[in-house]
Amino acid sequence: MSGACYSRRDGGVEYELHCDGCGVPFRCGDDSYFSWPVLCAAAEAEGWGVAPDLGGEHRCGECAASGRPAGARRRLVPV
C-alpha cells in the first residue's frame, strides 16, 4: 500500500495516498487528508480500488480498470 503520514506543527497528522500501480497521488479538495480511513473512503468514492478489496493495495481508477500489477510503475533511480 502506498501511503505516508506527515506531522503538522499544530500536532495534527496529514495522510497521503498514492496508487500502487502507477504512483499517481490521490488529490481531493477537502479535509480528508486528516484521517486515513476518510482519505481511503474519498478515494474509493472517486473510483479508486481501495484495500481490503485489493489485498491491501490502492489503485487509481485507470489502474484498477486496466488490471495493471502493483509495482509496475516506473521507479526513479539516482545517478
PDB file of N, CA and C in Angstrom:
ATOM      1  N   MET A   1       0.849  -1.160   0.000  1.00  0.00           N
ATOM      2  CA  MET A   1       0.000   0.000   0.000  1.00  0.00           C
ATOM      3  C   MET A   1       0.895   1.223   0.000  1.00  0.00           C
ATOM      4  N   SER A   2       0.574   2.199  -0.800  1.00  0.00           N
ATOM      5  CA  SER A   2       1.372   3.412  -0.898  1.00  0.00           C
ATOM      6  C   SER A   2       0.720   4.541  -0.123  1.00  0.00           C
ATOM      7  N   GLY A   3       1.241   4.789   1.019  1.00  0.00           N
ATOM      8  CA  GLY A   3       0.726   5.865   1.844  1.00  0.00           C
ATOM      9  C   GLY A   3       1.835   6.444   2.685  1.00  0.00           C
ATOM     10  N   ALA A   4       1.622   7.650   3.141  1.00  0.00           N
ATOM     11  CA  ALA A   4       2.588   8.306   4.016  1.00  0.00           C
ATOM     12  C   ALA A   4       1.817   9.213   4.957  1.00  0.00           C
ATOM     13  N   CYS A   5       2.421   9.514   6.096  1.00  0.00           N
ATOM     14  CA  CYS A   5       1.801  10.476   7.003  1.00  0.00           C
ATOM     15  C   CYS A   5       2.853  11.510   7.393  1.00  0.00           C
ATOM     16  N   TYR A   6       2.380  12.703   7.616  1.00  0.00           N
ATOM     17  CA  TYR A   6       3.243  13.828   7.936  1.00  0.00           C
ATOM     18  C   TYR A   6       2.731  14.523   9.185  1.00  0.00           C
ATOM     19  N   SER A   7       3.618  14.818  10.093  1.00  0.00           N
ATOM     20  CA  SER A   7       3.261  15.551  11.308  1.00  0.00           C
ATOM     21  C   SER A   7       3.151  17.031  10.984  1.00  0.00           C
ATOM     22  N   ARG A   8       2.131  17.650  11.537  1.00  0.00           N
ATOM     23  CA  ARG A   8       1.932  19.081  11.359  1.00  0.00           C
ATOM     24  C   ARG A   8       2.460  19.826  12.575  1.00  0.00           C
ATOM     25  N   ARG A   9       2.754  21.077  12.405  1.00  0.00           N
ATOM     26  CA  ARG A   9       3.263  21.893  13.518  1.00  0.00           C
ATOM     27  C   ARG A   9       2.263  22.042  14.648  1.00  0.00           C
ATOM     28  N   ASP A  10       0.967  21.939  14.311  1.00  0.00           N
ATOM     29  CA  ASP A  10      -0.058  22.082  15.343  1.00  0.00           C
ATOM     30  C   ASP A  10      -0.361  20.762  16.051  1.00  0.00           C
ATOM     31  N   GLY A  11       0.441  19.726  15.785  1.00  0.00           N
ATOM     32  CA  GLY A  11       0.273  18.443  16.440  1.00  0.00           C
ATOM     33  C   GLY A  11      -0.597  17.463  15.673  1.00  0.00           C
ATOM     34  N   GLY A  12      -1.214  17.915  14.604  1.00  0.00           N
ATOM     35  CA  GLY A  12      -2.051  17.036  13.793  1.00  0.00           C
ATOM     36  C   GLY A  12      -1.222  16.199  12.826  1.00  0.00           C
ATOM     37  N   VAL A  13      -1.903  15.357  12.084  1.00  0.00           N
ATOM     38  CA  VAL A  13      -1.264  14.492  11.099  1.00  0.00           C
ATOM     39  C   VAL A  13      -2.014  14.623   9.784  1.00  0.00           C
ATOM     40  N   GLU A  14      -1.268  14.644   8.677  1.00  0.00           N
ATOM     41  CA  GLU A  14      -1.859  14.607   7.342  1.00  0.00           C
ATOM     42  C   GLU A  14      -1.399  13.339   6.662  1.00  0.00           C
ATOM     43  N   TYR A  15      -2.312  12.710   5.900  1.00  0.00           N
ATOM     44  CA  TYR A  15      -2.009  11.471   5.204  1.00  0.00           C
ATOM     45  C   TYR A  15      -1.952  11.704   3.705  1.00  0.00           C
ATOM     46  N   GLU A  16      -1.186  10.878   3.022  1.00  0.00           N
ATOM     47  CA  GLU A  16      -1.039  10.957   1.580  1.00  0.00           C
ATOM     48  C   GLU A  16      -1.234   9.556   1.012  1.00  0.00           C
ATOM     49  N   LEU A  17      -1.936   9.454  -0.112  1.00  0.00           N
ATOM     50  CA  LEU A  17      -2.246   8.181  -0.730  1.00  0.00           C
ATOM     51  C   LEU A  17      -1.771   8.193  -2.176  1.00  0.00           C
ATOM     52  N   HIS A  18      -1.044   7.153  -2.580  1.00  0.00           N
ATOM     53  CA  HIS A  18      -0.563   7.004  -3.956  1.00  0.00           C
ATOM     54  C   HIS A  18      -1.042   5.680  -4.516  1.00  0.00           C
ATOM     55  N   CYS A  19      -1.231   5.635  -5.824  1.00  0.00           N
ATOM     56  CA  CYS A  19      -1.628   4.407  -6.498  1.00  0.00           C
ATOM     57  C   CYS A  19      -0.462   3.421  -6.484  1.00  0.00           C
ATOM     58  N   ASP A  20      -0.742   2.163  -6.116  1.00  0.00           N
ATOM     59  CA  ASP A  20       0.294   1.133  -6.121  1.00  0.00           C
ATOM     60  C   ASP A  20       0.628   0.671  -7.534  1.00  0.00           C
ATOM     61  N   GLY A  21      -0.213   1.013  -8.506  1.00  0.00           N
ATOM     62  CA  GLY A  21       0.056   0.620  -9.883  1.00  0.00           C
ATOM     63  C   GLY A  21       0.958   1.594 -10.613  1.00  0.00           C
ATOM     64  N   CYS A  22       0.583   2.889 -10.603  1.00  0.00           N
ATOM     65  CA  CYS A  22       1.332   3.880 -11.392  1.00  0.00           C
ATOM     66  C   CYS A  22       1.993   4.961 -10.552  1.00  0.00           C
ATOM     67  N   GLY A  23       1.625   5.061  -9.276  1.00  0.00           N
ATOM     68  CA  GLY A  23       2.259   6.032  -8.391  1.00  0.00           C
ATOM     69  C   GLY A  23       1.595   7.391  -8.341  1.00  0.00           C
ATOM     70  N   VAL A  24       0.510   7.599  -9.091  1.00  0.00           N
ATOM     71  CA  VAL A  24      -0.159   8.897  -9.083  1.00  0.00           C
ATOM     72  C   VAL A  24      -0.745   9.160  -7.694  1.00  0.00           C
ATOM     73  N   PRO A  25      -0.598  10.392  -7.178  1.00  0.00           N
ATOM     74  CA  PRO A  25      -1.175  10.698  -5.868  1.00  0.00           C
ATOM     75  C   PRO A  25      -2.676  10.957  -5.981  1.00  0.00           C
ATOM     76  N   PHE A  26      -3.410  10.615  -4.924  1.00  0.00           N
ATOM     77  CA  PHE A  26      -4.833  10.946  -4.859  1.00  0.00           C
ATOM     78  C   PHE A  26      -4.959  12.385  -4.406  1.00  0.00           C
ATOM     79  N   ARG A  27      -5.752  13.161  -5.124  1.00  0.00           N
ATOM     80  CA  ARG A  27      -5.963  14.569  -4.783  1.00  0.00           C
ATOM     81  C   ARG A  27      -7.438  14.794  -4.467  1.00  0.00           C
ATOM     82  N   CYS A  28      -7.693  15.482  -3.382  1.00  0.00           N
ATOM     83  CA  CYS A  28      -9.064  15.880  -3.068  1.00  0.00           C
ATOM     84  C   CYS A  28      -9.018  17.289  -2.487  1.00  0.00           C
ATOM     85  N   GLY A  29     -10.131  17.980  -2.586  1.00  0.00           N
ATOM     86  CA  GLY A  29     -10.155  19.375  -2.172  1.00  0.00           C
ATOM     87  C   GLY A  29     -10.797  19.622  -0.822  1.00  0.00           C
ATOM     88  N   ASP A  30     -10.822  18.608   0.033  1.00  0.00           N
ATOM     89  CA  ASP A  30     -11.425  18.810   1.343  1.00  0.00           C
ATOM     90  C   ASP A  30     -10.452  18.384   2.436  1.00  0.00           C
ATOM     91  N   ASP A  31     -10.953  18.154   3.634  1.00  0.00           N
ATOM     92  CA  ASP A  31     -10.075  17.822   4.751  1.00  0.00           C
ATOM     93  C   ASP A  31      -9.912  16.314   4.966  1.00  0.00           C
ATOM     94  N   SER A  32     -10.127  15.522   3.931  1.00  0.00           N
ATOM     95  CA  SER A  32      -9.968  14.066   4.040  1.00  0.00           C
ATOM     96  C   SER A  32      -8.541  13.667   4.394  1.00  0.00           C
ATOM     97  N   TYR A  33      -7.586  14.546   4.170  1.00  0.00           N
ATOM     98  CA  TYR A  33      -6.178  14.245   4.430  1.00  0.00           C
ATOM     99  C   TYR A  33      -5.871  14.048   5.920  1.00  0.00           C
ATOM    100  N   PHE A  34      -6.797  14.417   6.797  1.00  0.00           N
ATOM    101  CA  PHE A  34      -6.540  14.329   8.229  1.00  0.00           C
ATOM    102  C   PHE A  34      -6.893  12.974   8.844  1.00  0.00           C
ATOM    103  N   SER A  35      -7.461  12.060   8.057  1.00  0.00           N
ATOM    104  CA  SER A  35      -7.844  10.743   8.559  1.00  0.00           C
ATOM    105  C   SER A  35      -7.601   9.707   7.466  1.00  0.00           C
ATOM    106  N   TRP A  36      -6.809   8.671   7.780  1.00  0.00           N
ATOM    107  CA  TRP A  36      -6.521   7.636   6.784  1.00  0.00           C
ATOM    108  C   TRP A  36      -7.797   6.941   6.304  1.00  0.00           C
ATOM    109  N   PRO A  37      -8.695   6.492   7.188  1.00  0.00           N
ATOM    110  CA  PRO A  37      -9.922   5.843   6.705  1.00  0.00           C
ATOM    111  C   PRO A  37     -10.791   6.776   5.854  1.00  0.00           C
ATOM    112  N   VAL A  38     -10.864   8.049   6.223  1.00  0.00           N
ATOM    113  CA  VAL A  38     -11.662   9.003   5.453  1.00  0.00           C
ATOM    114  C   VAL A  38     -11.013   9.259   4.098  1.00  0.00           C
ATOM    115  N   LEU A  39      -9.693   9.359   4.052  1.00  0.00           N
ATOM    116  CA  LEU A  39      -8.978   9.555   2.790  1.00  0.00           C
ATOM    117  C   LEU A  39      -9.202   8.367   1.860  1.00  0.00           C
ATOM    118  N   CYS A  40      -9.123   7.148   2.398  1.00  0.00           N
ATOM    119  CA  CYS A  40      -9.363   5.949   1.586  1.00  0.00           C
ATOM    120  C   CYS A  40     -10.804   5.919   1.080  1.00  0.00           C
ATOM    121  N   ALA A  41     -11.760   6.308   1.919  1.00  0.00           N
ATOM    122  CA  ALA A  41     -13.161   6.347   1.506  1.00  0.00           C
ATOM    123  C   ALA A  41     -13.379   7.384   0.407  1.00  0.00           C
ATOM    124  N   ALA A  42     -12.715   8.541   0.520  1.00  0.00           N
ATOM    125  CA  ALA A  42     -12.827   9.575  -0.509  1.00  0.00           C
ATOM    126  C   ALA A  42     -12.242   9.078  -1.829  1.00  0.00           C
ATOM    127  N   ALA A  43     -11.120   8.367  -1.756  1.00  0.00           N
ATOM    128  CA  ALA A  43     -10.511   7.811  -2.969  1.00  0.00           C
ATOM    129  C   ALA A  43     -11.441   6.785  -3.605  1.00  0.00           C
ATOM    130  N   GLU A  44     -12.035   5.949  -2.787  1.00  0.00           N
ATOM    131  CA  GLU A  44     -12.964   4.936  -3.303  1.00  0.00           C
ATOM    132  C   GLU A  44     -14.168   5.604  -3.969  1.00  0.00           C
ATOM    133  N   ALA A  45     -14.658   6.693  -3.397  1.00  0.00           N
ATOM    134  CA  ALA A  45     -15.781   7.423  -3.975  1.00  0.00           C
ATOM    135  C   ALA A  45     -15.419   8.035  -5.326  1.00  0.00           C
ATOM    136  N   GLU A  46     -14.123   8.267  -5.550  1.00  0.00           N
ATOM    137  CA  GLU A  46     -13.646   8.833  -6.812  1.00  0.00           C
ATOM    138  C   GLU A  46     -13.251   7.757  -7.818  1.00  0.00           C
ATOM    139  N   GLY A  47     -13.543   6.492  -7.504  1.00  0.00           N
ATOM    140  CA  GLY A  47     -13.280   5.423  -8.463  1.00  0.00           C
ATOM    141  C   GLY A  47     -12.021   4.629  -8.227  1.00  0.00           C
ATOM    142  N   TRP A  48     -11.319   4.907  -7.133  1.00  0.00           N
ATOM    143  CA  TRP A  48     -10.114   4.136  -6.822  1.00  0.00           C
ATOM    144  C   TRP A  48     -10.510   2.770  -6.270  1.00  0.00           C
ATOM    145  N   GLY A  49      -9.670   1.774  -6.517  1.00  0.00           N
ATOM    146  CA  GLY A  49      -9.810   0.483  -5.868  1.00  0.00           C
ATOM    147  C   GLY A  49      -9.049   0.577  -4.556  1.00  0.00           C
ATOM    148  N   VAL A  50      -9.733   0.336  -3.454  1.00  0.00           N
ATOM    149  CA  VAL A  50      -9.133   0.557  -2.139  1.00  0.00           C
ATOM    150  C   VAL A  50      -9.146  -0.731  -1.327  1.00  0.00           C
ATOM    151  N   ALA A  51      -8.098  -0.946  -0.552  1.00  0.00           N
ATOM    152  CA  ALA A  51      -7.998  -2.102   0.347  1.00  0.00           C
ATOM    153  C   ALA A  51      -9.208  -2.121   1.265  1.00  0.00           C
ATOM    154  N   PRO A  52      -9.689  -3.199   1.755  1.00  0.00           N
ATOM    155  CA  PRO A  52      -9.146  -4.547   1.632  1.00  0.00           C
ATOM    156  C   PRO A  52      -9.575  -5.264   0.363  1.00  0.00           C
ATOM    157  N   ASP A  53     -10.327  -4.604  -0.512  1.00  0.00           N
ATOM    158  CA  ASP A  53     -10.775  -5.219  -1.763  1.00  0.00           C
ATOM    159  C   ASP A  53      -9.607  -5.779  -2.573  1.00  0.00           C
ATOM    160  N   LEU A  54      -8.465  -5.127  -2.502  1.00  0.00           N
ATOM    161  CA  LEU A  54      -7.313  -5.499  -3.331  1.00  0.00           C
ATOM    162  C   LEU A  54      -6.181  -6.105  -2.513  1.00  0.00           C
ATOM    163  N   GLY A  55      -6.470  -6.653  -1.382  1.00  0.00           N
ATOM    164  CA  GLY A  55      -5.427  -7.272  -0.573  1.00  0.00           C
ATOM    165  C   GLY A  55      -4.423  -6.288  -0.018  1.00  0.00           C
ATOM    166  N   GLY A  56      -4.883  -5.088   0.334  1.00  0.00           N
ATOM    167  CA  GLY A  56      -4.003  -4.087   0.932  1.00  0.00           C
ATOM    168  C   GLY A  56      -3.464  -3.082  -0.072  1.00  0.00           C
ATOM    169  N   GLU A  57      -3.833  -3.209  -1.331  1.00  0.00           N
ATOM    170  CA  GLU A  57      -3.347  -2.276  -2.354  1.00  0.00           C
ATOM    171  C   GLU A  57      -4.352  -1.150  -2.566  1.00  0.00           C
ATOM    172  N   HIS A  58      -3.855  -0.062  -3.125  1.00  0.00           N
ATOM    173  CA  HIS A  58      -4.686   1.068  -3.514  1.00  0.00           C
ATOM    174  C   HIS A  58      -4.380   1.340  -4.981  1.00  0.00           C
ATOM    175  N   ARG A  59      -5.407   1.428  -5.793  1.00  0.00           N
ATOM    176  CA  ARG A  59      -5.237   1.638  -7.230  1.00  0.00           C
ATOM    177  C   ARG A  59      -6.107   2.785  -7.706  1.00  0.00           C
ATOM    178  N   CYS A  60      -5.541   3.649  -8.565  1.00  0.00           N
ATOM    179  CA  CYS A  60      -6.338   4.700  -9.178  1.00  0.00           C
ATOM    180  C   CYS A  60      -7.350   4.033 -10.108  1.00  0.00           C
ATOM    181  N   GLY A  61      -8.350   4.770 -10.545  1.00  0.00           N
ATOM    182  CA  GLY A  61      -9.376   4.204 -11.407  1.00  0.00           C
ATOM    183  C   GLY A  61      -8.816   3.591 -12.672  1.00  0.00           C
ATOM    184  N   GLU A  62      -7.818   4.240 -13.265  1.00  0.00           N
ATOM    185  CA  GLU A  62      -7.221   3.738 -14.506  1.00  0.00           C
ATOM    186  C   GLU A  62      -6.522   2.405 -14.286  1.00  0.00           C
ATOM    187  N   CYS A  63      -5.733   2.291 -13.234  1.00  0.00           N
ATOM    188  CA  CYS A  63      -5.019   1.043 -12.948  1.00  0.00           C
ATOM    189  C   CYS A  63      -5.981  -0.056 -12.506  1.00  0.00           C
ATOM    190  N   ALA A  64      -7.005   0.310 -11.735  1.00  0.00           N
ATOM    191  CA  ALA A  64      -7.987  -0.678 -11.303  1.00  0.00           C
ATOM    192  C   ALA A  64      -8.713  -1.257 -12.511  1.00  0.00           C
ATOM    193  N   ALA A  65      -9.026  -0.413 -13.490  1.00  0.00           N
ATOM    194  CA  ALA A  65      -9.731  -0.866 -14.690  1.00  0.00           C
ATOM    195  C   ALA A  65      -8.817  -1.685 -15.606  1.00  0.00           C
ATOM    196  N   SER A  66      -7.531  -1.321 -15.662  1.00  0.00           N
ATOM    197  CA  SER A  66      -6.608  -2.000 -16.574  1.00  0.00           C
ATOM    198  C   SER A  66      -6.050  -3.296 -16.002  1.00  0.00           C
ATOM    199  N   GLY A  67      -6.131  -3.457 -14.681  1.00  0.00           N
ATOM    200  CA  GLY A  67      -5.566  -4.657 -14.057  1.00  0.00           C
ATOM    201  C   GLY A  67      -4.047  -4.618 -13.984  1.00  0.00           C
ATOM    202  N   ARG A  68      -3.459  -3.423 -14.116  1.00  0.00           N
ATOM    203  CA  ARG A  68      -2.005  -3.270 -14.044  1.00  0.00           C
ATOM    204  C   ARG A  68      -1.509  -3.791 -12.700  1.00  0.00           C
ATOM    205  N   PRO A  69      -0.485  -4.653 -12.696  1.00  0.00           N
ATOM    206  CA  PRO A  69       0.005  -5.207 -11.427  1.00  0.00           C
ATOM    207  C   PRO A  69       0.691  -4.147 -10.568  1.00  0.00           C
ATOM    208  N   ALA A  70       0.599  -4.333  -9.260  1.00  0.00           N
ATOM    209  CA  ALA A  70       1.283  -3.429  -8.326  1.00  0.00           C
ATOM    210  C   ALA A  70       2.773  -3.501  -8.589  1.00  0.00           C
ATOM    211  N   GLY A  71       3.444  -2.393  -8.437  1.00  0.00           N
ATOM    212  CA  GLY A  71       4.886  -2.350  -8.656  1.00  0.00           C
ATOM    213  C   GLY A  71       5.259  -2.147 -10.111  1.00  0.00           C
ATOM    214  N   ALA A  72       4.263  -1.973 -10.992  1.00  0.00           N
ATOM    215  CA  ALA A  72       4.545  -1.812 -12.407  1.00  0.00           C
ATOM    216  C   ALA A  72       4.936  -0.377 -12.743  1.00  0.00           C
ATOM    217  N   ARG A  73       4.841   0.509 -11.790  1.00  0.00           N
ATOM    218  CA  ARG A  73       5.182   1.903 -12.067  1.00  0.00           C
ATOM    219  C   ARG A  73       6.672   2.052 -12.302  1.00  0.00           C
ATOM    220  N   ARG A  74       7.000   3.101 -13.014  1.00  0.00           N
ATOM    221  CA  ARG A  74       8.405   3.400 -13.255  1.00  0.00           C
ATOM    222  C   ARG A  74       9.015   3.948 -11.981  1.00  0.00           C
ATOM    223  N   ARG A  75      10.180   3.483 -11.654  1.00  0.00           N
ATOM    224  CA  ARG A  75      10.865   3.959 -10.456  1.00  0.00           C
ATOM    225  C   ARG A  75      12.049   4.819 -10.866  1.00  0.00           C
ATOM    226  N   LEU A  76      12.227   5.918 -10.161  1.00  0.00           N
ATOM    227  CA  LEU A  76      13.363   6.791 -10.415  1.00  0.00           C
ATOM    228  C   LEU A  76      14.585   6.224  -9.718  1.00  0.00           C
ATOM    229  N   VAL A  77      15.698   6.238 -10.409  1.00  0.00           N
ATOM    230  CA  VAL A  77      16.939   5.734  -9.857  1.00  0.00           C
ATOM    231  C   VAL A  77      17.957   6.861  -9.855  1.00  0.00           C
ATOM    232  N   PRO A  78      18.551   7.161  -8.705  1.00  0.00           N
ATOM    233  CA  PRO A  78      19.540   8.243  -8.666  1.00  0.00           C
ATOM    234  C   PRO A  78      20.783   7.867  -9.472  1.00  0.00           C
ATOM    235  N   VAL A  79      21.357   8.857 -10.117  1.00  0.00           N
ATOM    236  CA  VAL A  79      22.588   8.625 -10.885  1.00  0.00           C
ATOM    237  C   VAL A  79      23.740   9.403 -10.333  1.00  0.00           C
TER     238      VAL A  79
END
